[in-house]
Amino acid sequence: MEVRLFQWIAPILVLLILTNNVLRYYRGRTDLRETILSGALWIGIALLAIFPDEISNFIAEILGFKSNTNAVLFLGLGLVFFIQYRLYRLQVKNREDLTKLTRSVALLNFQDEEESTQ
């Protein structure tokens, strides 16, 4: 098996990113779920870099693709769309929470103004 440059660089970068994720968890900037999910994603990327042919052929066989490259691209594209959908849902939830908070503050301010005028 020929070892290519990216098979050395990717795992080193993944180790740095994983270390950063763990440090962010201990500092309280992320929760355990986010740390575990991002860790699993980065470990998967490192494994794909170390064993590209074995993993891509396995993915192609599971998904029924003839080409391992198409299988990996399709899986990656699906993952990107899933993450984009999750981010959209978080944005909608944040917008709804902000609207509720704004209404509550407006009602409190209105009540305070009414009490001060009486």
N, C-alpha and C. Protein backbone atom coordinates (compact mmCIF):
# COMPACT_ATOMS: atom_id res chain seq x y z
N MET A 1 0.84 -1.18 0.00
CA MET A 1 0.00 0.00 0.00
C MET A 1 0.89 1.24 0.00
N GLU A 2 0.66 2.09 -0.96
CA GLU A 2 1.41 3.33 -1.07
C GLU A 2 0.81 4.37 -0.12
N VAL A 3 1.67 4.98 0.68
CA VAL A 3 1.22 6.01 1.62
C VAL A 3 1.41 7.37 0.96
N ARG A 4 0.29 8.09 0.84
CA ARG A 4 0.32 9.40 0.21
C ARG A 4 0.37 10.50 1.27
N LEU A 5 0.72 11.69 0.85
CA LEU A 5 0.92 12.80 1.77
C LEU A 5 -0.34 13.10 2.60
N PHE A 6 -1.51 13.09 1.97
CA PHE A 6 -2.73 13.41 2.71
C PHE A 6 -3.03 12.39 3.79
N GLN A 7 -2.49 11.16 3.65
CA GLN A 7 -2.70 10.14 4.67
C GLN A 7 -1.90 10.44 5.94
N TRP A 8 -0.96 11.32 5.86
CA TRP A 8 -0.22 11.78 7.04
C TRP A 8 -0.81 13.09 7.57
N ILE A 9 -1.14 13.99 6.66
CA ILE A 9 -1.59 15.32 7.07
C ILE A 9 -2.97 15.27 7.71
N ALA A 10 -3.91 14.55 7.10
CA ALA A 10 -5.29 14.53 7.61
C ALA A 10 -5.39 14.03 9.04
N PRO A 11 -4.76 12.90 9.41
CA PRO A 11 -4.87 12.47 10.81
C PRO A 11 -4.24 13.44 11.81
N ILE A 12 -3.15 14.10 11.41
CA ILE A 12 -2.53 15.08 12.30
C ILE A 12 -3.48 16.26 12.52
N LEU A 13 -4.09 16.75 11.43
CA LEU A 13 -5.06 17.83 11.57
C LEU A 13 -6.27 17.40 12.39
N VAL A 14 -6.71 16.16 12.21
CA VAL A 14 -7.85 15.65 12.98
C VAL A 14 -7.50 15.60 14.47
N LEU A 15 -6.29 15.18 14.79
CA LEU A 15 -5.89 15.19 16.21
C LEU A 15 -5.91 16.59 16.81
N LEU A 16 -5.46 17.57 16.05
CA LEU A 16 -5.50 18.95 16.52
C LEU A 16 -6.94 19.43 16.72
N ILE A 17 -7.81 19.09 15.78
CA ILE A 17 -9.22 19.50 15.87
C ILE A 17 -9.90 18.80 17.04
N LEU A 18 -9.62 17.51 17.23
CA LEU A 18 -10.21 16.78 18.36
C LEU A 18 -9.74 17.35 19.69
N THR A 19 -8.47 17.71 19.77
CA THR A 19 -7.95 18.32 20.99
C THR A 19 -8.66 19.64 21.27
N ASN A 20 -8.85 20.43 20.22
CA ASN A 20 -9.56 21.69 20.37
C ASN A 20 -11.01 21.45 20.83
N ASN A 21 -11.68 20.45 20.26
CA ASN A 21 -13.06 20.15 20.66
C ASN A 21 -13.14 19.74 22.12
N VAL A 22 -12.21 18.92 22.57
CA VAL A 22 -12.22 18.47 23.97
C VAL A 22 -11.95 19.65 24.90
N LEU A 23 -11.01 20.51 24.54
CA LEU A 23 -10.73 21.69 25.35
C LEU A 23 -11.95 22.62 25.41
N ARG A 24 -12.63 22.78 24.29
CA ARG A 24 -13.85 23.60 24.28
C ARG A 24 -14.92 23.00 25.18
N TYR A 25 -15.00 21.67 25.22
CA TYR A 25 -15.98 21.02 26.10
C TYR A 25 -15.63 21.28 27.56
N TYR A 26 -14.37 21.14 27.92
CA TYR A 26 -13.97 21.36 29.31
C TYR A 26 -14.10 22.81 29.73
N ARG A 27 -14.04 23.74 28.80
CA ARG A 27 -14.23 25.16 29.10
C ARG A 27 -15.71 25.54 29.14
N GLY A 28 -16.58 24.59 28.79
CA GLY A 28 -18.01 24.83 28.83
C GLY A 28 -18.57 25.52 27.61
N ARG A 29 -17.84 25.53 26.52
CA ARG A 29 -18.31 26.20 25.31
C ARG A 29 -19.16 25.30 24.43
N THR A 30 -19.04 23.98 24.60
CA THR A 30 -19.88 23.03 23.87
C THR A 30 -20.41 22.00 24.86
N ASP A 31 -21.46 21.32 24.46
CA ASP A 31 -22.00 20.27 25.32
C ASP A 31 -21.43 18.91 24.90
N LEU A 32 -21.73 17.90 25.69
CA LEU A 32 -21.17 16.57 25.45
C LEU A 32 -21.65 15.99 24.13
N ARG A 33 -22.92 16.20 23.81
CA ARG A 33 -23.48 15.66 22.56
C ARG A 33 -22.74 16.22 21.34
N GLU A 34 -22.56 17.53 21.33
CA GLU A 34 -21.86 18.16 20.21
C GLU A 34 -20.41 17.69 20.12
N THR A 35 -19.77 17.52 21.27
CA THR A 35 -18.38 17.05 21.29
C THR A 35 -18.27 15.64 20.73
N ILE A 36 -19.18 14.77 21.13
CA ILE A 36 -19.14 13.38 20.65
C ILE A 36 -19.45 13.31 19.16
N LEU A 37 -20.48 14.03 18.71
CA LEU A 37 -20.83 13.98 17.29
C LEU A 37 -19.72 14.55 16.40
N SER A 38 -19.15 15.68 16.81
CA SER A 38 -18.08 16.23 15.99
C SER A 38 -16.84 15.34 16.04
N GLY A 39 -16.60 14.73 17.20
CA GLY A 39 -15.47 13.80 17.30
C GLY A 39 -15.64 12.60 16.39
N ALA A 40 -16.86 12.05 16.34
CA ALA A 40 -17.12 10.91 15.46
C ALA A 40 -16.94 11.30 13.99
N LEU A 41 -17.41 12.49 13.64
CA LEU A 41 -17.24 12.96 12.26
C LEU A 41 -15.77 13.08 11.89
N TRP A 42 -14.97 13.70 12.77
CA TRP A 42 -13.56 13.90 12.47
C TRP A 42 -12.78 12.59 12.49
N ILE A 43 -13.14 11.68 13.37
CA ILE A 43 -12.49 10.36 13.36
C ILE A 43 -12.82 9.63 12.06
N GLY A 44 -14.06 9.76 11.60
CA GLY A 44 -14.43 9.16 10.31
C GLY A 44 -13.63 9.74 9.16
N ILE A 45 -13.40 11.03 9.20
CA ILE A 45 -12.60 11.67 8.15
C ILE A 45 -11.16 11.17 8.21
N ALA A 46 -10.61 11.02 9.42
CA ALA A 46 -9.24 10.52 9.55
C ALA A 46 -9.14 9.09 9.04
N LEU A 47 -10.12 8.26 9.38
CA LEU A 47 -10.10 6.87 8.91
C LEU A 47 -10.23 6.80 7.39
N LEU A 48 -11.07 7.67 6.83
CA LEU A 48 -11.19 7.71 5.37
C LEU A 48 -9.89 8.14 4.72
N ALA A 49 -9.14 9.02 5.36
CA ALA A 49 -7.85 9.44 4.81
C ALA A 49 -6.81 8.34 4.93
N ILE A 50 -6.86 7.58 6.04
CA ILE A 50 -5.86 6.53 6.24
C ILE A 50 -6.13 5.32 5.37
N PHE A 51 -7.40 4.93 5.27
CA PHE A 51 -7.80 3.76 4.49
C PHE A 51 -8.80 4.16 3.40
N PRO A 52 -8.40 4.95 2.43
CA PRO A 52 -9.38 5.49 1.48
C PRO A 52 -10.04 4.42 0.60
N ASP A 53 -9.28 3.48 0.10
CA ASP A 53 -9.85 2.49 -0.82
C ASP A 53 -10.77 1.51 -0.09
N GLU A 54 -10.35 1.04 1.07
CA GLU A 54 -11.15 0.06 1.80
C GLU A 54 -12.49 0.65 2.23
N ILE A 55 -12.46 1.85 2.78
CA ILE A 55 -13.69 2.46 3.28
C ILE A 55 -14.59 2.89 2.13
N SER A 56 -14.02 3.48 1.09
CA SER A 56 -14.86 3.92 -0.02
C SER A 56 -15.48 2.73 -0.76
N ASN A 57 -14.74 1.64 -0.89
CA ASN A 57 -15.33 0.44 -1.50
C ASN A 57 -16.44 -0.14 -0.63
N PHE A 58 -16.25 -0.11 0.69
CA PHE A 58 -17.29 -0.59 1.61
C PHE A 58 -18.55 0.27 1.50
N ILE A 59 -18.37 1.59 1.46
CA ILE A 59 -19.53 2.50 1.33
C ILE A 59 -20.23 2.26 0.00
N ALA A 60 -19.47 2.09 -1.08
CA ALA A 60 -20.06 1.84 -2.39
C ALA A 60 -20.86 0.53 -2.39
N GLU A 61 -20.33 -0.47 -1.74
CA GLU A 61 -21.02 -1.77 -1.68
C GLU A 61 -22.32 -1.65 -0.88
N ILE A 62 -22.27 -0.94 0.23
CA ILE A 62 -23.46 -0.79 1.08
C ILE A 62 -24.55 0.00 0.35
N LEU A 63 -24.17 1.11 -0.30
CA LEU A 63 -25.14 1.98 -0.96
C LEU A 63 -25.51 1.50 -2.36
N GLY A 64 -24.80 0.53 -2.89
CA GLY A 64 -25.12 -0.04 -4.19
C GLY A 64 -24.56 0.74 -5.37
N PHE A 65 -23.51 1.51 -5.15
CA PHE A 65 -22.86 2.25 -6.24
C PHE A 65 -21.80 1.36 -6.88
N LYS A 66 -21.58 1.57 -8.17
CA LYS A 66 -20.52 0.83 -8.85
C LYS A 66 -19.16 1.48 -8.62
N SER A 67 -19.16 2.79 -8.45
CA SER A 67 -17.92 3.53 -8.26
C SER A 67 -17.78 3.96 -6.81
N ASN A 68 -16.62 3.69 -6.25
CA ASN A 68 -16.40 4.08 -4.85
C ASN A 68 -16.32 5.59 -4.70
N THR A 69 -15.81 6.28 -5.70
CA THR A 69 -15.73 7.74 -5.64
C THR A 69 -17.12 8.36 -5.60
N ASN A 70 -18.02 7.87 -6.45
CA ASN A 70 -19.39 8.38 -6.44
C ASN A 70 -20.07 8.12 -5.11
N ALA A 71 -19.81 6.99 -4.51
CA ALA A 71 -20.42 6.66 -3.22
C ALA A 71 -19.97 7.63 -2.14
N VAL A 72 -18.68 7.92 -2.09
CA VAL A 72 -18.17 8.83 -1.07
C VAL A 72 -18.70 10.25 -1.31
N LEU A 73 -18.73 10.69 -2.57
CA LEU A 73 -19.26 12.02 -2.87
C LEU A 73 -20.74 12.12 -2.53
N PHE A 74 -21.51 11.09 -2.86
CA PHE A 74 -22.93 11.07 -2.55
C PHE A 74 -23.16 11.11 -1.04
N LEU A 75 -22.40 10.31 -0.30
CA LEU A 75 -22.52 10.29 1.15
C LEU A 75 -22.14 11.65 1.75
N GLY A 76 -21.06 12.24 1.25
CA GLY A 76 -20.64 13.56 1.73
C GLY A 76 -21.66 14.63 1.42
N LEU A 77 -22.23 14.60 0.24
CA LEU A 77 -23.25 15.57 -0.13
C LEU A 77 -24.50 15.41 0.75
N GLY A 78 -24.87 14.18 1.02
CA GLY A 78 -26.00 13.93 1.92
C GLY A 78 -25.72 14.46 3.31
N LEU A 79 -24.51 14.29 3.79
CA LEU A 79 -24.14 14.79 5.11
C LEU A 79 -24.17 16.32 5.14
N VAL A 80 -23.71 16.94 4.09
CA VAL A 80 -23.74 18.41 4.01
C VAL A 80 -25.18 18.92 4.02
N PHE A 81 -26.06 18.27 3.26
CA PHE A 81 -27.47 18.68 3.25
C PHE A 81 -28.11 18.48 4.61
N PHE A 82 -27.79 17.40 5.29
CA PHE A 82 -28.34 17.15 6.62
C PHE A 82 -27.89 18.23 7.61
N ILE A 83 -26.61 18.55 7.59
CA ILE A 83 -26.09 19.57 8.50
C ILE A 83 -26.72 20.93 8.18
N GLN A 84 -26.87 21.24 6.89
CA GLN A 84 -27.50 22.50 6.50
C GLN A 84 -28.94 22.55 6.99
N TYR A 85 -29.67 21.45 6.91
CA TYR A 85 -31.05 21.41 7.39
C TYR A 85 -31.10 21.62 8.90
N ARG A 86 -30.19 20.98 9.63
CA ARG A 86 -30.15 21.15 11.09
C ARG A 86 -29.85 22.60 11.46
N LEU A 87 -28.93 23.23 10.74
CA LEU A 87 -28.62 24.64 11.00
C LEU A 87 -29.82 25.53 10.71
N TYR A 88 -30.55 25.23 9.66
CA TYR A 88 -31.76 26.00 9.33
C TYR A 88 -32.78 25.86 10.46
N ARG A 89 -32.99 24.65 10.96
CA ARG A 89 -33.95 24.43 12.04
C ARG A 89 -33.52 25.18 13.31
N LEU A 90 -32.22 25.19 13.60
CA LEU A 90 -31.73 25.95 14.75
C LEU A 90 -31.97 27.44 14.58
N GLN A 91 -31.77 27.93 13.37
CA GLN A 91 -32.00 29.34 13.10
C GLN A 91 -33.47 29.70 13.29
N VAL A 92 -34.38 28.86 12.81
CA VAL A 92 -35.81 29.11 12.98
C VAL A 92 -36.17 29.11 14.46
N LYS A 93 -35.63 28.15 15.22
CA LYS A 93 -35.92 28.07 16.65
C LYS A 93 -35.38 29.32 17.37
N ASN A 94 -34.18 29.75 17.03
CA ASN A 94 -33.61 30.95 17.63
C ASN A 94 -34.45 32.18 17.32
N ARG A 95 -34.94 32.27 16.09
CA ARG A 95 -35.78 33.40 15.71
C ARG A 95 -37.09 33.40 16.51
N GLU A 96 -37.68 32.22 16.68
CA GLU A 96 -38.91 32.12 17.47
C GLU A 96 -38.65 32.49 18.93
N ASP A 97 -37.55 32.01 19.49
CA ASP A 97 -37.21 32.35 20.87
C ASP A 97 -36.97 33.84 21.04
N LEU A 98 -36.31 34.45 20.07
CA LEU A 98 -36.06 35.89 20.12
C LEU A 98 -37.36 36.68 20.05
N THR A 99 -38.30 36.23 19.23
CA THR A 99 -39.61 36.88 19.14
C THR A 99 -40.35 36.80 20.47
N LYS A 100 -40.33 35.62 21.09
CA LYS A 100 -41.00 35.46 22.39
C LYS A 100 -40.35 36.36 23.44
N LEU A 101 -39.03 36.41 23.45
CA LEU A 101 -38.31 37.24 24.41
C LEU A 101 -38.62 38.73 24.20
N THR A 102 -38.65 39.16 22.95
CA THR A 102 -38.95 40.55 22.64
C THR A 102 -40.36 40.91 23.09
N ARG A 103 -41.31 40.02 22.85
CA ARG A 103 -42.69 40.28 23.30
C ARG A 103 -42.76 40.37 24.82
N SER A 104 -42.06 39.48 25.51
CA SER A 104 -42.08 39.50 26.97
C SER A 104 -41.49 40.80 27.51
N VAL A 105 -40.38 41.23 26.96
CA VAL A 105 -39.75 42.47 27.40
C VAL A 105 -40.66 43.66 27.10
N ALA A 106 -41.29 43.65 25.94
CA ALA A 106 -42.19 44.75 25.58
C ALA A 106 -43.38 44.82 26.55
N LEU A 107 -43.93 43.66 26.89
CA LEU A 107 -45.05 43.64 27.84
C LEU A 107 -44.61 44.11 29.22
N LEU A 108 -43.44 43.70 29.66
CA LEU A 108 -42.93 44.15 30.95
C LEU A 108 -42.70 45.66 30.97
N ASN A 109 -42.13 46.19 29.90
CA ASN A 109 -41.91 47.63 29.80
C ASN A 109 -43.24 48.39 29.80
N PHE A 110 -44.23 47.85 29.10
CA PHE A 110 -45.54 48.48 29.05
C PHE A 110 -46.18 48.50 30.44
N GLN A 111 -46.07 47.37 31.16
CA GLN A 111 -46.63 47.30 32.51
C GLN A 111 -45.92 48.27 33.45
N ASP A 112 -44.61 48.37 33.32
CA ASP A 112 -43.85 49.31 34.16
C ASP A 112 -44.25 50.74 33.88
N GLU A 113 -44.46 51.09 32.63
CA GLU A 113 -44.87 52.45 32.26
C GLU A 113 -46.26 52.77 32.79
N GLU A 114 -47.16 51.78 32.73
CA GLU A 114 -48.52 52.00 33.24
C GLU A 114 -48.50 52.20 34.75
N GLU A 115 -47.68 51.42 35.44
CA GLU A 115 -47.61 51.55 36.90
C GLU A 115 -46.99 52.87 37.31
N SER A 116 -46.04 53.35 36.54
CA SER A 116 -45.38 54.61 36.90
C SER A 116 -46.27 55.81 36.62
N THR A 117 -47.21 55.69 35.69
CA THR A 117 -48.10 56.80 35.38
C THR A 117 -49.26 56.88 36.35
N GLN A 118 -49.52 55.84 37.07
CA GLN A 118 -50.66 55.84 38.00
C GLN A 118 -50.32 56.41 39.33
